[in-house]
């Protein structure tokens, strides 16, 4: 999915950030859950906890935005993990450059979280 499609459909899917916590704290899609970086085992474990109890046909949208889409270390492992768990409606937001450029700078809804 492209960012403009995601912005138009924020109600309904379970939206999960699978990037680095520092990026999530800086700015994230409103209502999105933080699951940790998909490139790390602990991130995949957090992702599994985030979807625990969800129906296998629940629409889930993953996004990261740490870097250009083709180089993202997080989105593919997270996507694969959910498919291995049996989730059938997993989609990802394509972030061509990074979250700031492709989402925040374009004026799509954003929440910012204070540093912990």
PDB file of N, CA and C in Angstrom:
ATOM      1  N   UNK A   1       0.842  -1.180   0.000  1.00  0.00           N
ATOM      2  CA  UNK A   1       0.000   0.000   0.000  1.00  0.00           C
ATOM      3  C   UNK A   1       0.885   1.241   0.000  1.00  0.00           C
ATOM      4  N   UNK A   2       0.421   2.239  -0.667  1.00  0.00           N
ATOM      5  CA  UNK A   2       1.121   3.514  -0.687  1.00  0.00           C
ATOM      6  C   UNK A   2       0.644   4.369   0.490  1.00  0.00           C
ATOM      7  N   UNK A   3       1.456   5.322   0.964  1.00  0.00           N
ATOM      8  CA  UNK A   3       1.055   6.137   2.102  1.00  0.00           C
ATOM      9  C   UNK A   3      -0.316   6.786   1.959  1.00  0.00           C
ATOM     10  N   UNK A   4      -0.668   7.310   0.784  1.00  0.00           N
ATOM     11  CA  UNK A   4      -1.967   7.962   0.620  1.00  0.00           C
ATOM     12  C   UNK A   4      -3.121   6.978   0.797  1.00  0.00           C
ATOM     13  N   UNK A   5      -2.931   5.717   0.413  1.00  0.00           N
ATOM     14  CA  UNK A   5      -3.957   4.690   0.628  1.00  0.00           C
ATOM     15  C   UNK A   5      -4.114   4.391   2.116  1.00  0.00           C
ATOM     16  N   UNK A   6      -2.999   4.310   2.816  1.00  0.00           N
ATOM     17  CA  UNK A   6      -3.034   4.043   4.255  1.00  0.00           C
ATOM     18  C   UNK A   6      -3.749   5.177   4.979  1.00  0.00           C
ATOM     19  N   UNK A   7      -3.412   6.420   4.644  1.00  0.00           N
ATOM     20  CA  UNK A   7      -4.022   7.576   5.302  1.00  0.00           C
ATOM     21  C   UNK A   7      -5.539   7.582   5.129  1.00  0.00           C
ATOM     22  N   UNK A   8      -6.014   7.095   4.003  1.00  0.00           N
ATOM     23  CA  UNK A   8      -7.450   7.076   3.726  1.00  0.00           C
ATOM     24  C   UNK A   8      -8.174   5.925   4.428  1.00  0.00           C
ATOM     25  N   UNK A   9      -7.439   4.947   4.936  1.00  0.00           N
ATOM     26  CA  UNK A   9      -8.050   3.750   5.536  1.00  0.00           C
ATOM     27  C   UNK A   9      -7.481   3.429   6.913  1.00  0.00           C
ATOM     28  N   UNK A  10      -7.365   4.426   7.765  1.00  0.00           N
ATOM     29  CA  UNK A  10      -6.758   4.195   9.077  1.00  0.00           C
ATOM     30  C   UNK A  10      -7.689   3.485  10.055  1.00  0.00           C
ATOM     31  N   UNK A  11      -8.972   3.469   9.779  1.00  0.00           N
ATOM     32  CA  UNK A  11      -9.875   2.742  10.668  1.00  0.00           C
ATOM     33  C   UNK A  11     -10.046   1.332  10.136  1.00  0.00           C
ATOM     34  N   UNK A  12     -10.037   0.385  11.011  1.00  0.00           N
ATOM     35  CA  UNK A  12     -10.242  -1.003  10.611  1.00  0.00           C
ATOM     36  C   UNK A  12      -9.054  -1.895  10.847  1.00  0.00           C
ATOM     37  N   UNK A  13      -7.969  -1.718  10.075  1.00  0.00           N
ATOM     38  CA  UNK A  13      -6.855  -2.650  10.266  1.00  0.00           C
ATOM     39  C   UNK A  13      -6.111  -2.410  11.563  1.00  0.00           C
ATOM     40  N   UNK A  14      -5.466  -3.442  12.042  1.00  0.00           N
ATOM     41  CA  UNK A  14      -4.535  -3.331  13.147  1.00  0.00           C
ATOM     42  C   UNK A  14      -3.232  -2.833  12.529  1.00  0.00           C
ATOM     43  N   UNK A  15      -2.824  -1.619  12.872  1.00  0.00           N
ATOM     44  CA  UNK A  15      -1.637  -1.000  12.286  1.00  0.00           C
ATOM     45  C   UNK A  15      -0.483  -1.162  13.268  1.00  0.00           C
ATOM     46  N   UNK A  16       0.622  -1.731  12.778  1.00  0.00           N
ATOM     47  CA  UNK A  16       1.754  -2.045  13.648  1.00  0.00           C
ATOM     48  C   UNK A  16       3.052  -1.508  13.057  1.00  0.00           C
ATOM     49  N   UNK A  17       3.781  -0.774  13.883  1.00  0.00           N
ATOM     50  CA  UNK A  17       5.105  -0.278  13.501  1.00  0.00           C
ATOM     51  C   UNK A  17       6.134  -1.345  13.858  1.00  0.00           C
ATOM     52  N   UNK A  18       6.921  -1.752  12.878  1.00  0.00           N
ATOM     53  CA  UNK A  18       7.911  -2.814  13.098  1.00  0.00           C
ATOM     54  C   UNK A  18       9.340  -2.295  12.912  1.00  0.00           C
ATOM     55  N   UNK A  19       9.524  -1.000  13.200  1.00  0.00           N
ATOM     56  CA  UNK A  19      10.839  -0.388  13.086  1.00  0.00           C
ATOM     57  C   UNK A  19      11.457  -0.147  14.445  1.00  0.00           C
ATOM     58  N   UNK A  20      12.340   0.803  14.477  1.00  0.00           N
ATOM     59  CA  UNK A  20      13.095   1.095  15.687  1.00  0.00           C
ATOM     60  C   UNK A  20      12.322   2.045  16.595  1.00  0.00           C
ATOM     61  N   UNK A  21      12.421   1.838  17.907  1.00  0.00           N
ATOM     62  CA  UNK A  21      11.664   2.592  18.893  1.00  0.00           C
ATOM     63  C   UNK A  21      11.920   4.093  18.800  1.00  0.00           C
ATOM     64  N   UNK A  22      13.143   4.503  18.539  1.00  0.00           N
ATOM     65  CA  UNK A  22      13.454   5.924  18.447  1.00  0.00           C
ATOM     66  C   UNK A  22      12.637   6.574  17.332  1.00  0.00           C
ATOM     67  N   UNK A  23      12.414   5.867  16.249  1.00  0.00           N
ATOM     68  CA  UNK A  23      11.614   6.398  15.146  1.00  0.00           C
ATOM     69  C   UNK A  23      10.139   6.450  15.521  1.00  0.00           C
ATOM     70  N   UNK A  24       9.652   5.418  16.190  1.00  0.00           N
ATOM     71  CA  UNK A  24       8.250   5.388  16.633  1.00  0.00           C
ATOM     72  C   UNK A  24       7.985   6.549  17.589  1.00  0.00           C
ATOM     73  N   UNK A  25       8.895   6.780  18.516  1.00  0.00           N
ATOM     74  CA  UNK A  25       8.716   7.879  19.477  1.00  0.00           C
ATOM     75  C   UNK A  25       8.730   9.235  18.782  1.00  0.00           C
ATOM     76  N   UNK A  26       9.528   9.374  17.735  1.00  0.00           N
ATOM     77  CA  UNK A  26       9.627  10.653  17.023  1.00  0.00           C
ATOM     78  C   UNK A  26       8.319  10.982  16.309  1.00  0.00           C
ATOM     79  N   UNK A  27       7.727  10.018  15.638  1.00  0.00           N
ATOM     80  CA  UNK A  27       6.462  10.219  14.919  1.00  0.00           C
ATOM     81  C   UNK A  27       5.967   8.876  14.406  1.00  0.00           C
ATOM     82  N   UNK A  28       4.667   8.655  14.546  1.00  0.00           N
ATOM     83  CA  UNK A  28       4.088   7.402  14.060  1.00  0.00           C
ATOM     84  C   UNK A  28       2.648   7.619  13.624  1.00  0.00           C
ATOM     85  N   UNK A  29       2.106   6.646  12.933  1.00  0.00           N
ATOM     86  CA  UNK A  29       0.714   6.688  12.488  1.00  0.00           C
ATOM     87  C   UNK A  29      -0.173   6.633  13.722  1.00  0.00           C
ATOM     88  N   UNK A  30      -1.154   7.531  13.833  1.00  0.00           N
ATOM     89  CA  UNK A  30      -2.036   7.535  15.007  1.00  0.00           C
ATOM     90  C   UNK A  30      -2.687   6.172  15.237  1.00  0.00           C
ATOM     91  N   UNK A  31      -2.659   5.747  16.486  1.00  0.00           N
ATOM     92  CA  UNK A  31      -3.281   4.477  16.855  1.00  0.00           C
ATOM     93  C   UNK A  31      -2.461   3.250  16.549  1.00  0.00           C
ATOM     94  N   UNK A  32      -1.303   3.438  15.931  1.00  0.00           N
ATOM     95  CA  UNK A  32      -0.488   2.265  15.597  1.00  0.00           C
ATOM     96  C   UNK A  32       0.182   1.726  16.853  1.00  0.00           C
ATOM     97  N   UNK A  33       0.345   0.417  16.863  1.00  0.00           N
ATOM     98  CA  UNK A  33       1.028  -0.260  17.969  1.00  0.00           C
ATOM     99  C   UNK A  33       2.510  -0.359  17.625  1.00  0.00           C
ATOM    100  N   UNK A  34       3.341  -0.332  18.640  1.00  0.00           N
ATOM    101  CA  UNK A  34       4.772  -0.531  18.434  1.00  0.00           C
ATOM    102  C   UNK A  34       5.111  -1.972  18.756  1.00  0.00           C
ATOM    103  N   UNK A  35       5.784  -2.645  17.813  1.00  0.00           N
ATOM    104  CA  UNK A  35       6.119  -4.050  18.034  1.00  0.00           C
ATOM    105  C   UNK A  35       7.613  -4.315  18.020  1.00  0.00           C
ATOM    106  N   UNK A  36       8.427  -3.325  17.809  1.00  0.00           N
ATOM    107  CA  UNK A  36       9.864  -3.578  17.793  1.00  0.00           C
ATOM    108  C   UNK A  36      10.364  -3.906  16.405  1.00  0.00           C
ATOM    109  N   UNK A  37      11.659  -3.783  16.192  1.00  0.00           N
ATOM    110  CA  UNK A  37      12.219  -4.011  14.866  1.00  0.00           C
ATOM    111  C   UNK A  37      12.087  -5.473  14.414  1.00  0.00           C
ATOM    112  N   UNK A  38      11.534  -5.645  13.239  1.00  0.00           N
ATOM    113  CA  UNK A  38      11.339  -6.981  12.685  1.00  0.00           C
ATOM    114  C   UNK A  38      12.632  -7.706  12.374  1.00  0.00           C
ATOM    115  N   UNK A  39      13.736  -6.983  12.351  1.00  0.00           N
ATOM    116  CA  UNK A  39      15.027  -7.612  12.051  1.00  0.00           C
ATOM    117  C   UNK A  39      15.657  -8.274  13.270  1.00  0.00           C
ATOM    118  N   UNK A  40      15.051  -8.107  14.426  1.00  0.00           N
ATOM    119  CA  UNK A  40      15.608  -8.668  15.662  1.00  0.00           C
ATOM    120  C   UNK A  40      14.637  -9.673  16.277  1.00  0.00           C
ATOM    121  N   UNK A  41      15.164 -10.703  16.894  1.00  0.00           N
ATOM    122  CA  UNK A  41      14.325 -11.738  17.504  1.00  0.00           C
ATOM    123  C   UNK A  41      13.370 -11.146  18.530  1.00  0.00           C
ATOM    124  N   UNK A  42      13.848 -10.183  19.318  1.00  0.00           N
ATOM    125  CA  UNK A  42      12.974  -9.578  20.321  1.00  0.00           C
ATOM    126  C   UNK A  42      11.850  -8.772  19.661  1.00  0.00           C
ATOM    127  N   UNK A  43      12.111  -8.191  18.500  1.00  0.00           N
ATOM    128  CA  UNK A  43      11.065  -7.484  17.755  1.00  0.00           C
ATOM    129  C   UNK A  43       9.995  -8.440  17.254  1.00  0.00           C
ATOM    130  N   UNK A  44      10.404  -9.595  16.774  1.00  0.00           N
ATOM    131  CA  UNK A  44       9.438 -10.605  16.314  1.00  0.00           C
ATOM    132  C   UNK A  44       8.615 -11.116  17.492  1.00  0.00           C
ATOM    133  N   UNK A  45       9.231 -11.273  18.649  1.00  0.00           N
ATOM    134  CA  UNK A  45       8.476 -11.699  19.838  1.00  0.00           C
ATOM    135  C   UNK A  45       7.446 -10.642  20.239  1.00  0.00           C
ATOM    136  N   UNK A  46       7.825  -9.370  20.186  1.00  0.00           N
ATOM    137  CA  UNK A  46       6.876  -8.292  20.479  1.00  0.00           C
ATOM    138  C   UNK A  46       5.748  -8.259  19.450  1.00  0.00           C
ATOM    139  N   UNK A  47       6.075  -8.531  18.205  1.00  0.00           N
ATOM    140  CA  UNK A  47       5.060  -8.592  17.152  1.00  0.00           C
ATOM    141  C   UNK A  47       4.064  -9.708  17.445  1.00  0.00           C
ATOM    142  N   UNK A  48       4.564 -10.858  17.845  1.00  0.00           N
ATOM    143  CA  UNK A  48       3.683 -11.976  18.177  1.00  0.00           C
ATOM    144  C   UNK A  48       2.758 -11.620  19.337  1.00  0.00           C
ATOM    145  N   UNK A  49       3.274 -10.880  20.311  1.00  0.00           N
ATOM    146  CA  UNK A  49       2.430 -10.442  21.431  1.00  0.00           C
ATOM    147  C   UNK A  49       1.385  -9.433  20.960  1.00  0.00           C
ATOM    148  N   UNK A  50       1.767  -8.567  20.027  1.00  0.00           N
ATOM    149  CA  UNK A  50       0.849  -7.542  19.525  1.00  0.00           C
ATOM    150  C   UNK A  50      -0.341  -8.140  18.784  1.00  0.00           C
ATOM    151  N   UNK A  51      -0.147  -9.317  18.186  1.00  0.00           N
ATOM    152  CA  UNK A  51      -1.243  -9.941  17.425  1.00  0.00           C
ATOM    153  C   UNK A  51      -1.900 -11.093  18.183  1.00  0.00           C
ATOM    154  N   UNK A  52      -1.422 -11.379  19.377  1.00  0.00           N
ATOM    155  CA  UNK A  52      -2.000 -12.471  20.169  1.00  0.00           C
ATOM    156  C   UNK A  52      -3.492 -12.213  20.374  1.00  0.00           C
ATOM    157  N   UNK A  53      -4.281 -13.222  20.142  1.00  0.00           N
ATOM    158  CA  UNK A  53      -5.720 -13.117  20.333  1.00  0.00           C
ATOM    159  C   UNK A  53      -6.467 -12.547  19.136  1.00  0.00           C
ATOM    160  N   UNK A  54      -5.766 -12.115  18.127  1.00  0.00           N
ATOM    161  CA  UNK A  54      -6.421 -11.587  16.927  1.00  0.00           C
ATOM    162  C   UNK A  54      -6.850 -12.739  16.024  1.00  0.00           C
ATOM    163  N   UNK A  55      -7.956 -12.548  15.337  1.00  0.00           N
ATOM    164  CA  UNK A  55      -8.418 -13.536  14.366  1.00  0.00           C
ATOM    165  C   UNK A  55      -7.406 -13.633  13.227  1.00  0.00           C
ATOM    166  N   UNK A  56      -7.206 -14.828  12.715  1.00  0.00           N
ATOM    167  CA  UNK A  56      -6.216 -15.039  11.652  1.00  0.00           C
ATOM    168  C   UNK A  56      -6.595 -14.310  10.362  1.00  0.00           C
ATOM    169  N   UNK A  57      -7.869 -13.914  10.230  1.00  0.00           N
ATOM    170  CA  UNK A  57      -8.275 -13.170   9.049  1.00  0.00           C
ATOM    171  C   UNK A  57      -8.405 -11.663   9.326  1.00  0.00           C
ATOM    172  N   UNK A  58      -7.895 -11.212  10.469  1.00  0.00           N
ATOM    173  CA  UNK A  58      -7.893  -9.784  10.797  1.00  0.00           C
ATOM    174  C   UNK A  58      -6.961  -9.070   9.844  1.00  0.00           C
ATOM    175  N   UNK A  59      -7.385  -7.940   9.340  1.00  0.00           N
ATOM    176  CA  UNK A  59      -6.526  -7.146   8.472  1.00  0.00           C
ATOM    177  C   UNK A  59      -5.444  -6.491   9.333  1.00  0.00           C
ATOM    178  N   UNK A  60      -4.194  -6.710   8.944  1.00  0.00           N
ATOM    179  CA  UNK A  60      -3.055  -6.158   9.661  1.00  0.00           C
ATOM    180  C   UNK A  60      -2.204  -5.377   8.669  1.00  0.00           C
ATOM    181  N   UNK A  61      -1.818  -4.187   9.062  1.00  0.00           N
ATOM    182  CA  UNK A  61      -0.975  -3.347   8.230  1.00  0.00           C
ATOM    183  C   UNK A  61       0.334  -3.085   8.961  1.00  0.00           C
ATOM    184  N   UNK A  62       1.429  -3.453   8.334  1.00  0.00           N
ATOM    185  CA  UNK A  62       2.761  -3.234   8.901  1.00  0.00           C
ATOM    186  C   UNK A  62       3.432  -2.053   8.215  1.00  0.00           C
ATOM    187  N   UNK A  63       4.205  -1.313   8.984  1.00  0.00           N
ATOM    188  CA  UNK A  63       5.027  -0.267   8.384  1.00  0.00           C
ATOM    189  C   UNK A  63       6.293  -0.074   9.213  1.00  0.00           C
ATOM    190  N   UNK A  64       7.301   0.482   8.559  1.00  0.00           N
ATOM    191  CA  UNK A  64       8.552   0.791   9.250  1.00  0.00           C
ATOM    192  C   UNK A  64       8.929   2.230   8.923  1.00  0.00           C
ATOM    193  N   UNK A  65       9.632   2.446   7.815  1.00  0.00           N
ATOM    194  CA  UNK A  65      10.021   3.798   7.436  1.00  0.00           C
ATOM    195  C   UNK A  65      11.382   4.228   7.927  1.00  0.00           C
ATOM    196  N   UNK A  66      12.217   3.256   8.314  1.00  0.00           N
ATOM    197  CA  UNK A  66      13.555   3.600   8.806  1.00  0.00           C
ATOM    198  C   UNK A  66      14.471   4.051   7.679  1.00  0.00           C
ATOM    199  N   UNK A  67      14.207   3.576   6.480  1.00  0.00           N
ATOM    200  CA  UNK A  67      15.105   3.832   5.363  1.00  0.00           C
ATOM    201  C   UNK A  67      14.360   3.523   4.063  1.00  0.00           C
ATOM    202  N   UNK A  68      15.005   3.679   2.913  1.00  0.00           N
ATOM    203  CA  UNK A  68      14.325   3.343   1.669  1.00  0.00           C
ATOM    204  C   UNK A  68      13.804   1.898   1.656  1.00  0.00           C
ATOM    205  N   UNK A  69      12.641   1.719   1.067  1.00  0.00           N
ATOM    206  CA  UNK A  69      11.908   0.458   1.022  1.00  0.00           C
ATOM    207  C   UNK A  69      12.798  -0.733   0.686  1.00  0.00           C
ATOM    208  N   UNK A  70      13.588  -0.622  -0.359  1.00  0.00           N
ATOM    209  CA  UNK A  70      14.370  -1.785  -0.801  1.00  0.00           C
ATOM    210  C   UNK A  70      15.474  -2.171   0.185  1.00  0.00           C
ATOM    211  N   UNK A  71      15.810  -1.288   1.122  1.00  0.00           N
ATOM    212  CA  UNK A  71      16.865  -1.583   2.094  1.00  0.00           C
ATOM    213  C   UNK A  71      16.337  -1.881   3.491  1.00  0.00           C
ATOM    214  N   UNK A  72      15.026  -1.782   3.702  1.00  0.00           N
ATOM    215  CA  UNK A  72      14.464  -1.926   5.048  1.00  0.00           C
ATOM    216  C   UNK A  72      14.748  -3.325   5.615  1.00  0.00           C
ATOM    217  N   UNK A  73      15.411  -3.389   6.768  1.00  0.00           N
ATOM    218  CA  UNK A  73      15.725  -4.688   7.361  1.00  0.00           C
ATOM    219  C   UNK A  73      14.572  -5.267   8.191  1.00  0.00           C
ATOM    220  N   UNK A  74      13.519  -4.496   8.408  1.00  0.00           N
ATOM    221  CA  UNK A  74      12.481  -4.881   9.363  1.00  0.00           C
ATOM    222  C   UNK A  74      11.185  -5.417   8.762  1.00  0.00           C
ATOM    223  N   UNK A  75      10.754  -4.871   7.659  1.00  0.00           N
ATOM    224  CA  UNK A  75       9.414  -5.171   7.150  1.00  0.00           C
ATOM    225  C   UNK A  75       9.282  -6.613   6.656  1.00  0.00           C
ATOM    226  N   UNK A  76      10.254  -7.106   5.950  1.00  0.00           N
ATOM    227  CA  UNK A  76      10.149  -8.457   5.374  1.00  0.00           C
ATOM    228  C   UNK A  76      10.126  -9.558   6.437  1.00  0.00           C
ATOM    229  N   UNK A  77      11.013  -9.507   7.444  1.00  0.00           N
ATOM    230  CA  UNK A  77      10.935 -10.546   8.485  1.00  0.00           C
ATOM    231  C   UNK A  77       9.617 -10.489   9.264  1.00  0.00           C
ATOM    232  N   UNK A  78       9.106  -9.282   9.524  1.00  0.00           N
ATOM    233  CA  UNK A  78       7.833  -9.155  10.247  1.00  0.00           C
ATOM    234  C   UNK A  78       6.684  -9.717   9.413  1.00  0.00           C
ATOM    235  N   UNK A  79       6.668  -9.391   8.132  1.00  0.00           N
ATOM    236  CA  UNK A  79       5.649  -9.893   7.214  1.00  0.00           C
ATOM    237  C   UNK A  79       5.692 -11.425   7.167  1.00  0.00           C
ATOM    238  N   UNK A  80       6.889 -11.980   7.025  1.00  0.00           N
ATOM    239  CA  UNK A  80       7.047 -13.439   6.964  1.00  0.00           C
ATOM    240  C   UNK A  80       6.590 -14.099   8.265  1.00  0.00           C
ATOM    241  N   UNK A  81       6.916 -13.500   9.399  1.00  0.00           N
ATOM    242  CA  UNK A  81       6.530 -14.078  10.692  1.00  0.00           C
ATOM    243  C   UNK A  81       5.008 -14.160  10.825  1.00  0.00           C
ATOM    244  N   UNK A  82       4.309 -13.116  10.415  1.00  0.00           N
ATOM    245  CA  UNK A  82       2.842 -13.140  10.513  1.00  0.00           C
ATOM    246  C   UNK A  82       2.240 -14.185   9.580  1.00  0.00           C
ATOM    247  N   UNK A  83       2.791 -14.305   8.392  1.00  0.00           N
ATOM    248  CA  UNK A  83       2.300 -15.351   7.473  1.00  0.00           C
ATOM    249  C   UNK A  83       2.559 -16.742   8.037  1.00  0.00           C
ATOM    250  N   UNK A  84       3.722 -16.941   8.638  1.00  0.00           N
ATOM    251  CA  UNK A  84       4.035 -18.236   9.254  1.00  0.00           C
ATOM    252  C   UNK A  84       3.075 -18.550  10.399  1.00  0.00           C
ATOM    253  N   UNK A  85       2.566 -17.502  11.064  1.00  0.00           N
ATOM    254  CA  UNK A  85       1.613 -17.687  12.154  1.00  0.00           C
ATOM    255  C   UNK A  85       0.193 -17.936  11.639  1.00  0.00           C
ATOM    256  N   UNK A  86      -0.007 -17.826  10.326  1.00  0.00           N
ATOM    257  CA  UNK A  86      -1.317 -18.108   9.752  1.00  0.00           C
ATOM    258  C   UNK A  86      -2.177 -16.898   9.461  1.00  0.00           C
ATOM    259  N   UNK A  87      -1.646 -15.688   9.624  1.00  0.00           N
ATOM    260  CA  UNK A  87      -2.426 -14.494   9.302  1.00  0.00           C
ATOM    261  C   UNK A  87      -2.519 -14.354   7.787  1.00  0.00           C
ATOM    262  N   UNK A  88      -3.738 -14.162   7.306  1.00  0.00           N
ATOM    263  CA  UNK A  88      -3.966 -14.183   5.866  1.00  0.00           C
ATOM    264  C   UNK A  88      -4.169 -12.807   5.241  1.00  0.00           C
ATOM    265  N   UNK A  89      -4.369 -11.781   6.045  1.00  0.00           N
ATOM    266  CA  UNK A  89      -4.631 -10.447   5.497  1.00  0.00           C
ATOM    267  C   UNK A  89      -3.596  -9.437   6.004  1.00  0.00           C
ATOM    268  N   UNK A  90      -2.355  -9.735   5.719  1.00  0.00           N
ATOM    269  CA  UNK A  90      -1.256  -8.864   6.134  1.00  0.00           C
ATOM    270  C   UNK A  90      -0.832  -8.040   4.926  1.00  0.00           C
ATOM    271  N   UNK A  91      -0.774  -6.732   5.147  1.00  0.00           N
ATOM    272  CA  UNK A  91      -0.321  -5.831   4.097  1.00  0.00           C
ATOM    273  C   UNK A  91       0.797  -4.978   4.681  1.00  0.00           C
ATOM    274  N   UNK A  92       1.546  -4.360   3.789  1.00  0.00           N
ATOM    275  CA  UNK A  92       2.621  -3.483   4.232  1.00  0.00           C
ATOM    276  C   UNK A  92       2.502  -2.140   3.519  1.00  0.00           C
ATOM    277  N   UNK A  93       2.922  -1.095   4.216  1.00  0.00           N
ATOM    278  CA  UNK A  93       2.962   0.216   3.597  1.00  0.00           C
ATOM    279  C   UNK A  93       4.336   0.392   2.960  1.00  0.00           C
ATOM    280  N   UNK A  94       4.331   0.701   1.689  1.00  0.00           N
ATOM    281  CA  UNK A  94       5.571   0.952   0.965  1.00  0.00           C
ATOM    282  C   UNK A  94       6.032   2.367   1.314  1.00  0.00           C
ATOM    283  N   UNK A  95       7.245   2.462   1.819  1.00  0.00           N
ATOM    284  CA  UNK A  95       7.827   3.746   2.188  1.00  0.00           C
ATOM    285  C   UNK A  95       9.049   3.940   1.293  1.00  0.00           C
ATOM    286  N   UNK A  96       8.891   4.666   0.178  1.00  0.00           N
ATOM    287  CA  UNK A  96       9.986   4.771  -0.786  1.00  0.00           C
ATOM    288  C   UNK A  96      11.296   5.309  -0.211  1.00  0.00           C
ATOM    289  N   UNK A  97      11.230   6.362   0.634  1.00  0.00           N
ATOM    290  CA  UNK A  97      12.466   6.945   1.166  1.00  0.00           C
ATOM    291  C   UNK A  97      12.572   6.720   2.669  1.00  0.00           C
ATOM    292  N   UNK A  98      11.678   7.316   3.459  1.00  0.00           N
ATOM    293  CA  UNK A  98      11.628   7.129   4.906  1.00  0.00           C
ATOM    294  C   UNK A  98      10.296   7.696   5.414  1.00  0.00           C
ATOM    295  N   UNK A  99       9.950   7.395   6.654  1.00  0.00           N
ATOM    296  CA  UNK A  99       8.651   7.798   7.207  1.00  0.00           C
ATOM    297  C   UNK A  99       8.493   9.316   7.217  1.00  0.00           C
ATOM    298  N   UNK A 100       9.523  10.034   7.589  1.00  0.00           N
ATOM    299  CA  UNK A 100       9.429  11.488   7.648  1.00  0.00           C
ATOM    300  C   UNK A 100       9.103  12.058   6.275  1.00  0.00           C
ATOM    301  N   UNK A 101       9.823  11.663   5.267  1.00  0.00           N
ATOM    302  CA  UNK A 101       9.632  12.185   3.912  1.00  0.00           C
ATOM    303  C   UNK A 101       8.311  11.742   3.303  1.00  0.00           C
ATOM    304  N   UNK A 102       8.007  10.450   3.436  1.00  0.00           N
ATOM    305  CA  UNK A 102       6.862   9.881   2.722  1.00  0.00           C
ATOM    306  C   UNK A 102       5.548   9.931   3.488  1.00  0.00           C
ATOM    307  N   UNK A 103       5.593  10.303   4.770  1.00  0.00           N
ATOM    308  CA  UNK A 103       4.358  10.378   5.564  1.00  0.00           C
ATOM    309  C   UNK A 103       4.247  11.731   6.275  1.00  0.00           C
ATOM    310  N   UNK A 104       5.153  11.981   7.186  1.00  0.00           N
ATOM    311  CA  UNK A 104       5.084  13.181   8.038  1.00  0.00           C
ATOM    312  C   UNK A 104       5.148  14.468   7.209  1.00  0.00           C
ATOM    313  N   UNK A 105       6.135  14.580   6.335  1.00  0.00           N
ATOM    314  CA  UNK A 105       6.292  15.795   5.523  1.00  0.00           C
ATOM    315  C   UNK A 105       5.138  16.015   4.558  1.00  0.00           C
ATOM    316  N   UNK A 106       4.384  14.982   4.244  1.00  0.00           N
ATOM    317  CA  UNK A 106       3.248  15.114   3.327  1.00  0.00           C
ATOM    318  C   UNK A 106       1.959  15.482   4.053  1.00  0.00           C
ATOM    319  N   UNK A 107       2.048  15.621   5.371  1.00  0.00           N
ATOM    320  CA  UNK A 107       0.894  16.083   6.134  1.00  0.00           C
ATOM    321  C   UNK A 107      -0.104  15.017   6.525  1.00  0.00           C
ATOM    322  N   UNK A 108       0.258  13.744   6.401  1.00  0.00           N
ATOM    323  CA  UNK A 108      -0.635  12.681   6.852  1.00  0.00           C
ATOM    324  C   UNK A 108      -0.684  12.701   8.377  1.00  0.00           C
ATOM    325  N   UNK A 109      -1.753  12.167   8.977  1.00  0.00           N
ATOM    326  CA  UNK A 109      -1.879  12.224  10.437  1.00  0.00           C
ATOM    327  C   UNK A 109      -0.695  11.560  11.140  1.00  0.00           C
ATOM    328  N   UNK A 110      -0.205  12.226  12.173  1.00  0.00           N
ATOM    329  CA  UNK A 110       0.969  11.743  12.896  1.00  0.00           C
ATOM    330  C   UNK A 110       0.794  11.995  14.382  1.00  0.00           C
ATOM    331  N   UNK A 111       1.233  11.028  15.179  1.00  0.00           N
ATOM    332  CA  UNK A 111       1.335  11.205  16.626  1.00  0.00           C
ATOM    333  C   UNK A 111       2.802  11.199  16.990  1.00  0.00           C
ATOM    334  N   UNK A 112       3.131  11.972  17.961  1.00  0.00           N
ATOM    335  CA  UNK A 112       4.509  11.984  18.454  1.00  0.00           C
ATOM    336  C   UNK A 112       4.454  11.579  19.915  1.00  0.00           C
ATOM    337  N   UNK A 113       5.419  10.828  20.350  1.00  0.00           N
ATOM    338  CA  UNK A 113       5.455  10.333  21.720  1.00  0.00           C
ATOM    339  C   UNK A 113       6.669  10.908  22.421  1.00  0.00           C
ATOM    340  N   UNK A 114       6.475  11.348  23.626  1.00  0.00           N
ATOM    341  CA  UNK A 114       7.589  11.921  24.386  1.00  0.00           C
ATOM    342  C   UNK A 114       8.655  10.861  24.640  1.00  0.00           C
ATOM    343  N   UNK A 115       9.881  11.293  24.736  1.00  0.00           N
ATOM    344  CA  UNK A 115      10.980  10.372  25.043  1.00  0.00           C
ATOM    345  C   UNK A 115      10.750   9.752  26.411  1.00  0.00           C
ATOM    346  N   UNK A 116      11.128   8.508  26.524  1.00  0.00           N
ATOM    347  CA  UNK A 116      10.931   7.769  27.782  1.00  0.00           C
ATOM    348  C   UNK A 116      12.149   7.826  28.651  1.00  0.00           C
TER     349      UNK A 116
END
